């Protein structure tokens, strides 16, 4: 988020919204450029894998 604010965007975290079906949703970050109509909705997903045992040959 810091990189967006450094570029002049106004950012909000954990923004509440309602989708077209009336379901409550939260977006992690919404960033608006106050000098234009440009905006971003950023909702990243971090995935990771783990194994308990790695077999090496």
Protein backbone atom coordinates (compact mmCIF):
# COMPACT_ATOMS: atom_id res chain seq x y z
CA UNK A 1 0.00 0.00 0.00
CA UNK A 2 2.91 2.32 0.68
CA UNK A 3 3.99 2.20 -2.96
CA UNK A 4 0.52 3.36 -4.04
CA UNK A 5 0.39 6.22 -1.55
CA UNK A 6 3.88 7.28 -2.65
CA UNK A 7 2.47 7.59 -6.19
CA UNK A 8 -0.36 9.84 -4.98
CA UNK A 9 -3.18 7.32 -4.53
CA UNK A 10 -5.61 7.54 -1.65
CA UNK A 11 -5.89 4.06 -0.13
CA UNK A 12 -8.39 2.35 2.14
CA UNK A 13 -7.97 -1.06 3.80
CA UNK A 14 -10.62 -3.73 4.47
CA UNK A 15 -13.34 -1.89 2.56
CA UNK A 16 -16.90 -3.16 3.03
CA UNK A 17 -19.08 -3.51 -0.07
CA UNK A 18 -22.20 -5.32 -1.26
CA UNK A 19 -22.07 -7.27 -4.52
CA UNK A 20 -24.82 -7.46 -7.18
CA UNK A 21 -26.50 -10.34 -5.33
CA UNK A 22 -26.65 -8.46 -2.03
CA UNK A 23 -23.83 -10.41 -0.38
CA UNK A 24 -21.44 -8.56 1.94
CA UNK A 25 -17.86 -8.49 0.66
CA UNK A 26 -14.58 -7.04 1.85
CA UNK A 27 -11.74 -5.93 -0.41
CA UNK A 28 -8.27 -5.76 1.10
CA UNK A 29 -7.27 -2.47 -0.53
CA UNK A 30 -9.04 0.15 -2.63
CA UNK A 31 -6.80 2.77 -4.16
CA UNK A 32 -8.08 5.93 -5.85
CA UNK A 33 -6.18 8.46 -7.89
CA UNK A 34 -7.68 11.77 -6.70
CA UNK A 35 -6.64 13.50 -9.95
CA UNK A 36 -8.48 11.12 -12.30
CA UNK A 37 -11.20 8.46 -12.54
CA UNK A 38 -8.57 5.75 -12.05
CA UNK A 39 -9.03 3.30 -9.18
CA UNK A 40 -7.88 -0.18 -8.19
CA UNK A 41 -9.46 -2.90 -6.07
CA UNK A 42 -6.70 -5.13 -4.74
CA UNK A 43 -7.63 -8.39 -3.03
CA UNK A 44 -4.59 -10.68 -3.16
CA UNK A 45 -4.59 -14.35 -2.27
CA UNK A 46 -1.39 -15.86 -0.93
CA UNK A 47 -1.04 -19.59 -1.47
CA UNK A 48 1.59 -21.86 -0.13
CA UNK A 49 2.34 -25.54 -0.17
CA UNK A 50 4.01 -27.62 2.45
CA UNK A 51 5.00 -31.23 2.76
CA UNK A 52 6.01 -33.11 5.86
CA UNK A 53 8.60 -35.15 4.04
CA UNK A 54 10.71 -34.49 0.98
CA UNK A 55 12.23 -37.53 -0.66
CA UNK A 56 15.67 -36.95 -2.19
CA UNK A 57 17.31 -39.50 -4.48
